[in-house]
């Protein structure tokens, strides 16, 4: 399946971060995980790009998507698949 780039900003072993990665893995998506606390200035950039500083936060093809609750909602509606395939 052709998919857009997925980047998950996640911190360590936080339960919500783990669940976000599990949701994407179970659907067979490839994704990159970035810890915003390990890279200088990343928290500032994340806050500017997504209006959020907390992790997890997901970007698809450079577009801010949302947190775990948003991802679950998109998955239930089928919009997550369309977004990852670039149809939305």
PDB file of N, CA and C in Angstrom:
ATOM      1  N   UNK A   1       0.840  -1.174   0.000  1.00  0.00           N
ATOM      2  CA  UNK A   1       0.000   0.000   0.000  1.00  0.00           C
ATOM      3  C   UNK A   1       0.888   1.241   0.000  1.00  0.00           C
ATOM      4  N   UNK A   2       0.601   2.152  -0.864  1.00  0.00           N
ATOM      5  CA  UNK A   2       1.300   3.435  -0.907  1.00  0.00           C
ATOM      6  C   UNK A   2       0.753   4.298   0.224  1.00  0.00           C
ATOM      7  N   UNK A   3       1.661   4.877   1.004  1.00  0.00           N
ATOM      8  CA  UNK A   3       1.204   5.722   2.097  1.00  0.00           C
ATOM      9  C   UNK A   3       2.057   6.972   2.211  1.00  0.00           C
ATOM     10  N   UNK A   4       1.483   7.987   2.800  1.00  0.00           N
ATOM     11  CA  UNK A   4       2.189   9.233   3.078  1.00  0.00           C
ATOM     12  C   UNK A   4       3.076   9.024   4.306  1.00  0.00           C
ATOM     13  N   UNK A   5       4.045   9.914   4.492  1.00  0.00           N
ATOM     14  CA  UNK A   5       4.934   9.816   5.646  1.00  0.00           C
ATOM     15  C   UNK A   5       4.169  10.140   6.932  1.00  0.00           C
ATOM     16  N   UNK A   6       4.340   9.291   7.928  1.00  0.00           N
ATOM     17  CA  UNK A   6       3.722   9.495   9.237  1.00  0.00           C
ATOM     18  C   UNK A   6       4.833   9.709  10.252  1.00  0.00           C
ATOM     19  N   UNK A   7       4.711  10.790  11.027  1.00  0.00           N
ATOM     20  CA  UNK A   7       5.663  11.067  12.097  1.00  0.00           C
ATOM     21  C   UNK A   7       4.875  11.183  13.395  1.00  0.00           C
ATOM     22  N   UNK A   8       5.314  10.409  14.394  1.00  0.00           N
ATOM     23  CA  UNK A   8       4.679  10.429  15.707  1.00  0.00           C
ATOM     24  C   UNK A   8       5.654  11.066  16.691  1.00  0.00           C
ATOM     25  N   UNK A   9       5.233  12.141  17.301  1.00  0.00           N
ATOM     26  CA  UNK A   9       6.029  12.761  18.358  1.00  0.00           C
ATOM     27  C   UNK A   9       5.556  12.141  19.668  1.00  0.00           C
ATOM     28  N   UNK A  10       6.417  11.328  20.257  1.00  0.00           N
ATOM     29  CA  UNK A  10       6.052  10.557  21.442  1.00  0.00           C
ATOM     30  C   UNK A  10       7.167  10.630  22.468  1.00  0.00           C
ATOM     31  N   UNK A  11       6.774  10.616  23.727  1.00  0.00           N
ATOM     32  CA  UNK A  11       7.739  10.695  24.820  1.00  0.00           C
ATOM     33  C   UNK A  11       7.799   9.381  25.575  1.00  0.00           C
ATOM     34  N   UNK A  12       8.955   8.747  25.515  1.00  0.00           N
ATOM     35  CA  UNK A  12       9.251   7.574  26.326  1.00  0.00           C
ATOM     36  C   UNK A  12       8.168   6.519  26.370  1.00  0.00           C
ATOM     37  N   UNK A  13       7.856   6.103  27.578  1.00  0.00           N
ATOM     38  CA  UNK A  13       6.904   5.012  27.780  1.00  0.00           C
ATOM     39  C   UNK A  13       5.533   5.489  28.236  1.00  0.00           C
ATOM     40  N   UNK A  14       5.168   6.683  27.873  1.00  0.00           N
ATOM     41  CA  UNK A  14       3.840   7.185  28.216  1.00  0.00           C
ATOM     42  C   UNK A  14       2.781   6.263  27.644  1.00  0.00           C
ATOM     43  N   UNK A  15       1.755   5.898  28.421  1.00  0.00           N
ATOM     44  CA  UNK A  15       0.706   5.004  27.910  1.00  0.00           C
ATOM     45  C   UNK A  15       0.031   5.520  26.639  1.00  0.00           C
ATOM     46  N   UNK A  16      -0.256   6.805  26.579  1.00  0.00           N
ATOM     47  CA  UNK A  16      -0.927   7.334  25.384  1.00  0.00           C
ATOM     48  C   UNK A  16      -0.013   7.278  24.164  1.00  0.00           C
ATOM     49  N   UNK A  17       1.279   7.448  24.368  1.00  0.00           N
ATOM     50  CA  UNK A  17       2.228   7.355  23.254  1.00  0.00           C
ATOM     51  C   UNK A  17       2.317   5.917  22.764  1.00  0.00           C
ATOM     52  N   UNK A  18       2.370   4.991  23.694  1.00  0.00           N
ATOM     53  CA  UNK A  18       2.419   3.570  23.349  1.00  0.00           C
ATOM     54  C   UNK A  18       1.161   3.164  22.579  1.00  0.00           C
ATOM     55  N   UNK A  19      -0.002   3.635  23.033  1.00  0.00           N
ATOM     56  CA  UNK A  19      -1.264   3.300  22.358  1.00  0.00           C
ATOM     57  C   UNK A  19      -1.326   3.884  20.947  1.00  0.00           C
ATOM     58  N   UNK A  20      -0.788   5.074  20.782  1.00  0.00           N
ATOM     59  CA  UNK A  20      -0.758   5.692  19.457  1.00  0.00           C
ATOM     60  C   UNK A  20       0.071   4.852  18.497  1.00  0.00           C
ATOM     61  N   UNK A  21       1.260   4.451  18.937  1.00  0.00           N
ATOM     62  CA  UNK A  21       2.127   3.623  18.095  1.00  0.00           C
ATOM     63  C   UNK A  21       1.484   2.269  17.817  1.00  0.00           C
ATOM     64  N   UNK A  22       0.816   1.698  18.814  1.00  0.00           N
ATOM     65  CA  UNK A  22       0.144   0.407  18.631  1.00  0.00           C
ATOM     66  C   UNK A  22      -0.985   0.523  17.614  1.00  0.00           C
ATOM     67  N   UNK A  23      -1.766   1.590  17.684  1.00  0.00           N
ATOM     68  CA  UNK A  23      -2.870   1.793  16.736  1.00  0.00           C
ATOM     69  C   UNK A  23      -2.343   1.825  15.304  1.00  0.00           C
ATOM     70  N   UNK A  24      -1.281   2.578  15.087  1.00  0.00           N
ATOM     71  CA  UNK A  24      -0.710   2.677  13.744  1.00  0.00           C
ATOM     72  C   UNK A  24      -0.091   1.353  13.292  1.00  0.00           C
ATOM     73  N   UNK A  25       0.592   0.671  14.201  1.00  0.00           N
ATOM     74  CA  UNK A  25       1.216  -0.622  13.874  1.00  0.00           C
ATOM     75  C   UNK A  25       0.174  -1.664  13.505  1.00  0.00           C
ATOM     76  N   UNK A  26      -0.894  -1.728  14.263  1.00  0.00           N
ATOM     77  CA  UNK A  26      -1.947  -2.724  13.994  1.00  0.00           C
ATOM     78  C   UNK A  26      -2.616  -2.508  12.640  1.00  0.00           C
ATOM     79  N   UNK A  27      -2.597  -1.286  12.163  1.00  0.00           N
ATOM     80  CA  UNK A  27      -3.173  -1.003  10.845  1.00  0.00           C
ATOM     81  C   UNK A  27      -2.151  -1.143   9.726  1.00  0.00           C
ATOM     82  N   UNK A  28      -0.935  -1.515  10.104  1.00  0.00           N
ATOM     83  CA  UNK A  28       0.091  -1.802   9.111  1.00  0.00           C
ATOM     84  C   UNK A  28       0.802  -0.591   8.545  1.00  0.00           C
ATOM     85  N   UNK A  29       0.719   0.543   9.233  1.00  0.00           N
ATOM     86  CA  UNK A  29       1.363   1.758   8.737  1.00  0.00           C
ATOM     87  C   UNK A  29       2.817   1.826   9.200  1.00  0.00           C
ATOM     88  N   UNK A  30       3.666   2.313   8.315  1.00  0.00           N
ATOM     89  CA  UNK A  30       5.047   2.617   8.682  1.00  0.00           C
ATOM     90  C   UNK A  30       5.058   4.035   9.224  1.00  0.00           C
ATOM     91  N   UNK A  31       5.831   4.244  10.278  1.00  0.00           N
ATOM     92  CA  UNK A  31       5.899   5.581  10.847  1.00  0.00           C
ATOM     93  C   UNK A  31       7.237   5.790  11.536  1.00  0.00           C
ATOM     94  N   UNK A  32       7.588   7.044  11.659  1.00  0.00           N
ATOM     95  CA  UNK A  32       8.815   7.449  12.342  1.00  0.00           C
ATOM     96  C   UNK A  32       8.419   8.015  13.702  1.00  0.00           C
ATOM     97  N   UNK A  33       9.183   7.658  14.741  1.00  0.00           N
ATOM     98  CA  UNK A  33       8.924   8.168  16.081  1.00  0.00           C
ATOM     99  C   UNK A  33      10.019   9.160  16.453  1.00  0.00           C
ATOM    100  N   UNK A  34       9.611  10.328  16.912  1.00  0.00           N
ATOM    101  CA  UNK A  34      10.539  11.368  17.342  1.00  0.00           C
ATOM    102  C   UNK A  34      10.194  11.728  18.784  1.00  0.00           C
ATOM    103  N   UNK A  35      11.208  11.734  19.653  1.00  0.00           N
ATOM    104  CA  UNK A  35      11.013  12.167  21.031  1.00  0.00           C
ATOM    105  C   UNK A  35      11.301  13.659  21.084  1.00  0.00           C
ATOM    106  N   UNK A  36      10.285  14.494  21.304  1.00  0.00           N
ATOM    107  CA  UNK A  36      10.497  15.940  21.272  1.00  0.00           C
ATOM    108  C   UNK A  36      11.397  16.452  22.389  1.00  0.00           C
ATOM    109  N   UNK A  37      11.600  15.666  23.427  1.00  0.00           N
ATOM    110  CA  UNK A  37      12.455  16.113  24.531  1.00  0.00           C
ATOM    111  C   UNK A  37      13.925  15.888  24.241  1.00  0.00           C
ATOM    112  N   UNK A  38      14.252  15.050  23.249  1.00  0.00           N
ATOM    113  CA  UNK A  38      15.650  14.735  22.957  1.00  0.00           C
ATOM    114  C   UNK A  38      16.294  15.681  21.956  1.00  0.00           C
ATOM    115  N   UNK A  39      15.507  16.386  21.186  1.00  0.00           N
ATOM    116  CA  UNK A  39      16.056  17.272  20.172  1.00  0.00           C
ATOM    117  C   UNK A  39      15.847  18.724  20.589  1.00  0.00           C
ATOM    118  N   UNK A  40      16.915  19.502  20.600  1.00  0.00           N
ATOM    119  CA  UNK A  40      16.840  20.905  20.999  1.00  0.00           C
ATOM    120  C   UNK A  40      15.872  21.699  20.139  1.00  0.00           C
ATOM    121  N   UNK A  41      15.006  22.427  20.780  1.00  0.00           N
ATOM    122  CA  UNK A  41      14.053  23.271  20.056  1.00  0.00           C
ATOM    123  C   UNK A  41      12.848  22.536  19.494  1.00  0.00           C
ATOM    124  N   UNK A  42      12.801  21.221  19.636  1.00  0.00           N
ATOM    125  CA  UNK A  42      11.697  20.446  19.056  1.00  0.00           C
ATOM    126  C   UNK A  42      10.364  20.782  19.723  1.00  0.00           C
ATOM    127  N   UNK A  43      10.356  20.953  21.031  1.00  0.00           N
ATOM    128  CA  UNK A  43       9.102  21.284  21.719  1.00  0.00           C
ATOM    129  C   UNK A  43       8.544  22.614  21.222  1.00  0.00           C
ATOM    130  N   UNK A  44       9.422  23.584  21.003  1.00  0.00           N
ATOM    131  CA  UNK A  44       8.992  24.883  20.504  1.00  0.00           C
ATOM    132  C   UNK A  44       8.415  24.748  19.101  1.00  0.00           C
ATOM    133  N   UNK A  45       9.116  23.989  18.251  1.00  0.00           N
ATOM    134  CA  UNK A  45       8.633  23.791  16.884  1.00  0.00           C
ATOM    135  C   UNK A  45       7.293  23.055  16.891  1.00  0.00           C
ATOM    136  N   UNK A  46       7.161  22.030  17.733  1.00  0.00           N
ATOM    137  CA  UNK A  46       5.925  21.264  17.802  1.00  0.00           C
ATOM    138  C   UNK A  46       4.778  22.153  18.268  1.00  0.00           C
ATOM    139  N   UNK A  47       5.028  22.984  19.266  1.00  0.00           N
ATOM    140  CA  UNK A  47       3.988  23.894  19.756  1.00  0.00           C
ATOM    141  C   UNK A  47       3.569  24.878  18.663  1.00  0.00           C
ATOM    142  N   UNK A  48       4.519  25.356  17.882  1.00  0.00           N
ATOM    143  CA  UNK A  48       4.228  26.298  16.808  1.00  0.00           C
ATOM    144  C   UNK A  48       3.490  25.623  15.659  1.00  0.00           C
ATOM    145  N   UNK A  49       3.851  24.377  15.354  1.00  0.00           N
ATOM    146  CA  UNK A  49       3.268  23.665  14.216  1.00  0.00           C
ATOM    147  C   UNK A  49       1.896  23.089  14.503  1.00  0.00           C
ATOM    148  N   UNK A  50       1.644  22.735  15.753  1.00  0.00           N
ATOM    149  CA  UNK A  50       0.412  22.007  16.029  1.00  0.00           C
ATOM    150  C   UNK A  50      -0.454  22.632  17.111  1.00  0.00           C
ATOM    151  N   UNK A  51      -0.041  23.729  17.690  1.00  0.00           N
ATOM    152  CA  UNK A  51      -0.703  24.372  18.816  1.00  0.00           C
ATOM    153  C   UNK A  51      -0.748  23.472  20.048  1.00  0.00           C
ATOM    154  N   UNK A  52       0.091  22.436  20.061  1.00  0.00           N
ATOM    155  CA  UNK A  52       0.178  21.528  21.213  1.00  0.00           C
ATOM    156  C   UNK A  52       1.635  21.288  21.543  1.00  0.00           C
ATOM    157  N   UNK A  53       1.892  21.076  22.809  1.00  0.00           N
ATOM    158  CA  UNK A  53       3.242  20.766  23.235  1.00  0.00           C
ATOM    159  C   UNK A  53       3.302  19.345  23.768  1.00  0.00           C
ATOM    160  N   UNK A  54       2.187  18.783  24.134  1.00  0.00           N
ATOM    161  CA  UNK A  54       2.180  17.452  24.728  1.00  0.00           C
ATOM    162  C   UNK A  54       2.270  16.371  23.663  1.00  0.00           C
ATOM    163  N   UNK A  55       2.843  15.257  24.054  1.00  0.00           N
ATOM    164  CA  UNK A  55       2.940  14.092  23.178  1.00  0.00           C
ATOM    165  C   UNK A  55       1.921  13.070  23.670  1.00  0.00           C
ATOM    166  N   UNK A  56       1.402  12.229  22.830  1.00  0.00           N
ATOM    167  CA  UNK A  56       1.754  12.045  21.428  1.00  0.00           C
ATOM    168  C   UNK A  56       1.023  13.029  20.520  1.00  0.00           C
ATOM    169  N   UNK A  57       1.656  13.271  19.404  1.00  0.00           N
ATOM    170  CA  UNK A  57       1.029  14.076  18.365  1.00  0.00           C
ATOM    171  C   UNK A  57       1.484  13.524  17.034  1.00  0.00           C
ATOM    172  N   UNK A  58       0.557  13.414  16.087  1.00  0.00           N
ATOM    173  CA  UNK A  58       0.826  12.760  14.808  1.00  0.00           C
ATOM    174  C   UNK A  58       0.730  13.761  13.661  1.00  0.00           C
ATOM    175  N   UNK A  59       1.703  13.654  12.756  1.00  0.00           N
ATOM    176  CA  UNK A  59       1.694  14.417  11.508  1.00  0.00           C
ATOM    177  C   UNK A  59       1.662  13.409  10.365  1.00  0.00           C
ATOM    178  N   UNK A  60       0.863  13.684   9.352  1.00  0.00           N
ATOM    179  CA  UNK A  60       0.837  12.859   8.145  1.00  0.00           C
ATOM    180  C   UNK A  60       1.202  13.765   6.977  1.00  0.00           C
ATOM    181  N   UNK A  61       2.276  13.402   6.298  1.00  0.00           N
ATOM    182  CA  UNK A  61       2.766  14.174   5.157  1.00  0.00           C
ATOM    183  C   UNK A  61       2.997  15.644   5.533  1.00  0.00           C
ATOM    184  N   UNK A  62       3.505  15.867   6.754  1.00  0.00           N
ATOM    185  CA  UNK A  62       3.796  17.215   7.210  1.00  0.00           C
ATOM    186  C   UNK A  62       2.614  17.990   7.735  1.00  0.00           C
ATOM    187  N   UNK A  63       1.420  17.412   7.668  1.00  0.00           N
ATOM    188  CA  UNK A  63       0.204  18.084   8.147  1.00  0.00           C
ATOM    189  C   UNK A  63      -0.124  17.617   9.556  1.00  0.00           C
ATOM    190  N   UNK A  64      -0.387  18.535  10.487  1.00  0.00           N
ATOM    191  CA  UNK A  64      -0.765  18.121  11.838  1.00  0.00           C
ATOM    192  C   UNK A  64      -2.115  17.413  11.825  1.00  0.00           C
ATOM    193  N   UNK A  65      -2.157  16.222  12.427  1.00  0.00           N
ATOM    194  CA  UNK A  65      -3.391  15.426  12.466  1.00  0.00           C
ATOM    195  C   UNK A  65      -4.031  15.499  13.834  1.00  0.00           C
ATOM    196  N   UNK A  66      -3.270  15.175  14.873  1.00  0.00           N
ATOM    197  CA  UNK A  66      -3.839  15.252  16.211  1.00  0.00           C
ATOM    198  C   UNK A  66      -3.221  14.269  17.174  1.00  0.00           C
ATOM    199  N   UNK A  67      -3.881  14.144  18.311  1.00  0.00           N
ATOM    200  CA  UNK A  67      -3.415  13.272  19.372  1.00  0.00           C
ATOM    201  C   UNK A  67      -4.085  11.907  19.260  1.00  0.00           C
ATOM    202  N   UNK A  68      -3.963  11.092  20.306  1.00  0.00           N
ATOM    203  CA  UNK A  68      -4.516   9.741  20.284  1.00  0.00           C
ATOM    204  C   UNK A  68      -6.027   9.745  20.093  1.00  0.00           C
ATOM    205  N   UNK A  69      -6.730  10.619  20.779  1.00  0.00           N
ATOM    206  CA  UNK A  69      -8.192  10.662  20.650  1.00  0.00           C
ATOM    207  C   UNK A  69      -8.604  10.983  19.214  1.00  0.00           C
ATOM    208  N   UNK A  70      -7.925  11.918  18.595  1.00  0.00           N
ATOM    209  CA  UNK A  70      -8.218  12.273  17.202  1.00  0.00           C
ATOM    210  C   UNK A  70      -7.918  11.111  16.275  1.00  0.00           C
ATOM    211  N   UNK A  71      -6.801  10.431  16.521  1.00  0.00           N
ATOM    212  CA  UNK A  71      -6.420   9.286  15.695  1.00  0.00           C
ATOM    213  C   UNK A  71      -7.452   8.167  15.792  1.00  0.00           C
ATOM    214  N   UNK A  72      -7.928   7.887  17.013  1.00  0.00           N
ATOM    215  CA  UNK A  72      -8.957   6.856  17.210  1.00  0.00           C
ATOM    216  C   UNK A  72     -10.233   7.210  16.456  1.00  0.00           C
ATOM    217  N   UNK A  73     -10.625   8.461  16.528  1.00  0.00           N
ATOM    218  CA  UNK A  73     -11.827   8.919  15.834  1.00  0.00           C
ATOM    219  C   UNK A  73     -11.679   8.774  14.319  1.00  0.00           C
ATOM    220  N   UNK A  74     -10.527   9.161  13.806  1.00  0.00           N
ATOM    221  CA  UNK A  74     -10.273   9.021  12.368  1.00  0.00           C
ATOM    222  C   UNK A  74     -10.260   7.554  11.949  1.00  0.00           C
ATOM    223  N   UNK A  75      -9.709   6.693  12.791  1.00  0.00           N
ATOM    224  CA  UNK A  75      -9.658   5.264  12.476  1.00  0.00           C
ATOM    225  C   UNK A  75     -11.069   4.669  12.444  1.00  0.00           C
ATOM    226  N   UNK A  76     -11.896   5.049  13.408  1.00  0.00           N
ATOM    227  CA  UNK A  76     -13.275   4.521  13.448  1.00  0.00           C
ATOM    228  C   UNK A  76     -14.074   4.945  12.225  1.00  0.00           C
ATOM    229  N   UNK A  77     -13.868   6.169  11.765  1.00  0.00           N
ATOM    230  CA  UNK A  77     -14.651   6.678  10.635  1.00  0.00           C
ATOM    231  C   UNK A  77     -14.105   6.235   9.279  1.00  0.00           C
ATOM    232  N   UNK A  78     -12.872   5.705   9.282  1.00  0.00           N
ATOM    233  CA  UNK A  78     -12.247   5.323   8.024  1.00  0.00           C
ATOM    234  C   UNK A  78     -11.433   6.433   7.391  1.00  0.00           C
ATOM    235  N   UNK A  79     -11.490   7.611   7.993  1.00  0.00           N
ATOM    236  CA  UNK A  79     -10.761   8.757   7.441  1.00  0.00           C
ATOM    237  C   UNK A  79      -9.250   8.629   7.614  1.00  0.00           C
ATOM    238  N   UNK A  80      -8.798   7.872   8.606  1.00  0.00           N
ATOM    239  CA  UNK A  80      -7.364   7.702   8.798  1.00  0.00           C
ATOM    240  C   UNK A  80      -6.744   7.012   7.584  1.00  0.00           C
ATOM    241  N   UNK A  81      -7.371   5.972   7.106  1.00  0.00           N
ATOM    242  CA  UNK A  81      -6.875   5.272   5.924  1.00  0.00           C
ATOM    243  C   UNK A  81      -6.821   6.173   4.705  1.00  0.00           C
ATOM    244  N   UNK A  82      -7.864   6.960   4.510  1.00  0.00           N
ATOM    245  CA  UNK A  82      -7.886   7.883   3.375  1.00  0.00           C
ATOM    246  C   UNK A  82      -6.811   8.954   3.520  1.00  0.00           C
ATOM    247  N   UNK A  83      -6.606   9.431   4.721  1.00  0.00           N
ATOM    248  CA  UNK A  83      -5.583  10.444   4.971  1.00  0.00           C
ATOM    249  C   UNK A  83      -4.187   9.903   4.694  1.00  0.00           C
ATOM    250  N   UNK A  84      -3.922   8.695   5.165  1.00  0.00           N
ATOM    251  CA  UNK A  84      -2.610   8.080   4.971  1.00  0.00           C
ATOM    252  C   UNK A  84      -2.354   7.759   3.503  1.00  0.00           C
ATOM    253  N   UNK A  85      -3.385   7.412   2.775  1.00  0.00           N
ATOM    254  CA  UNK A  85      -3.226   7.135   1.341  1.00  0.00           C
ATOM    255  C   UNK A  85      -3.171   8.410   0.507  1.00  0.00           C
ATOM    256  N   UNK A  86      -3.430   9.549   1.118  1.00  0.00           N
ATOM    257  CA  UNK A  86      -3.377  10.821   0.400  1.00  0.00           C
ATOM    258  C   UNK A  86      -4.657  11.162  -0.323  1.00  0.00           C
ATOM    259  N   UNK A  87      -5.761  10.551   0.068  1.00  0.00           N
ATOM    260  CA  UNK A  87      -7.050  10.802  -0.592  1.00  0.00           C
ATOM    261  C   UNK A  87      -7.799  11.963   0.040  1.00  0.00           C
ATOM    262  N   UNK A  88      -7.337  12.450   1.160  1.00  0.00           N
ATOM    263  CA  UNK A  88      -8.015  13.552   1.872  1.00  0.00           C
ATOM    264  C   UNK A  88      -7.117  14.749   1.898  1.00  0.00           C
TER     265      UNK A  88
END
